[in-house]
């Protein structure tokens, strides 16, 4: 996945689902973390203010959920 595609998918989910977009956005963020790394995912979380709006918190670099 490219960051431009991730931005588009996040914006689309926000438009389509509004306040209920958190689950769809979380899936995109997880895919970004896997494909592009934690730093890029955290950048998107900050850019779209996802922590405040959807309770999607940034991860610390080097953290692994596996």
Protein backbone atom coordinates (compact mmCIF):
# COMPACT_ATOMS: atom_id res chain seq x y z
CA UNK A 1 0.00 0.00 0.00
CA UNK A 2 1.17 3.52 -0.73
CA UNK A 3 0.57 6.41 1.65
CA UNK A 4 -1.62 8.18 -0.93
CA UNK A 5 -3.90 5.14 -1.09
CA UNK A 6 -4.07 5.01 2.71
CA UNK A 7 -5.04 8.69 2.87
CA UNK A 8 -7.77 8.13 0.30
CA UNK A 9 -9.14 5.10 2.15
CA UNK A 10 -9.16 6.97 5.48
CA UNK A 11 -10.92 9.98 3.95
CA UNK A 12 -13.44 7.70 2.24
CA UNK A 13 -14.21 5.86 5.50
CA UNK A 14 -14.64 9.15 7.36
CA UNK A 15 -17.03 10.42 4.68
CA UNK A 16 -18.96 7.18 4.36
CA UNK A 17 -19.20 6.11 8.01
CA UNK A 18 -18.68 9.32 9.99
CA UNK A 19 -18.35 8.65 13.72
CA UNK A 20 -18.53 4.87 13.10
CA UNK A 21 -15.48 4.86 10.78
CA UNK A 22 -13.06 3.78 13.52
CA UNK A 23 -13.07 0.06 12.68
CA UNK A 24 -12.49 0.64 8.95
CA UNK A 25 -9.77 3.21 9.65
CA UNK A 26 -8.08 0.92 12.17
CA UNK A 27 -7.83 -1.75 9.47
CA UNK A 28 -6.16 0.74 7.12
CA UNK A 29 -3.75 1.89 9.85
CA UNK A 30 -2.81 -1.72 10.64
CA UNK A 31 -2.12 -2.36 6.95
CA UNK A 32 0.01 0.80 6.78
CA UNK A 33 1.97 -0.31 9.87
CA UNK A 34 2.63 -3.65 8.21
CA UNK A 35 3.51 -2.31 4.75
CA UNK A 36 5.11 1.08 5.46
CA UNK A 37 6.11 0.95 9.11
CA UNK A 38 5.04 2.40 12.44
CA UNK A 39 6.37 5.90 11.73
CA UNK A 40 4.20 6.26 8.61
CA UNK A 41 1.13 4.93 10.44
CA UNK A 42 1.74 7.37 13.29
CA UNK A 43 2.08 10.20 10.75
CA UNK A 44 -1.38 9.38 9.38
CA UNK A 45 -2.83 9.13 12.88
CA UNK A 46 -1.53 12.63 13.61
CA UNK A 47 -2.51 14.02 10.20
CA UNK A 48 -6.15 12.95 10.54
CA UNK A 49 -6.31 13.41 14.35
CA UNK A 50 -7.44 9.78 14.65
CA UNK A 51 -6.53 9.43 18.31
CA UNK A 52 -8.98 12.13 19.35
CA UNK A 53 -11.75 11.28 16.88
CA UNK A 54 -11.60 7.47 16.81
CA UNK A 55 -9.40 6.48 19.77
CA UNK A 56 -6.71 5.09 17.44
CA UNK A 57 -3.47 5.67 19.32
CA UNK A 58 -0.02 5.87 17.77
CA UNK A 59 2.45 3.09 18.49
CA UNK A 60 5.95 3.54 19.76
CA UNK A 61 8.61 2.81 17.11
CA UNK A 62 9.95 -0.70 17.58
CA UNK A 63 6.74 -1.98 19.18
CA UNK A 64 5.52 -5.25 17.75
CA UNK A 65 1.98 -6.52 18.20
CA UNK A 66 2.91 -10.04 17.12
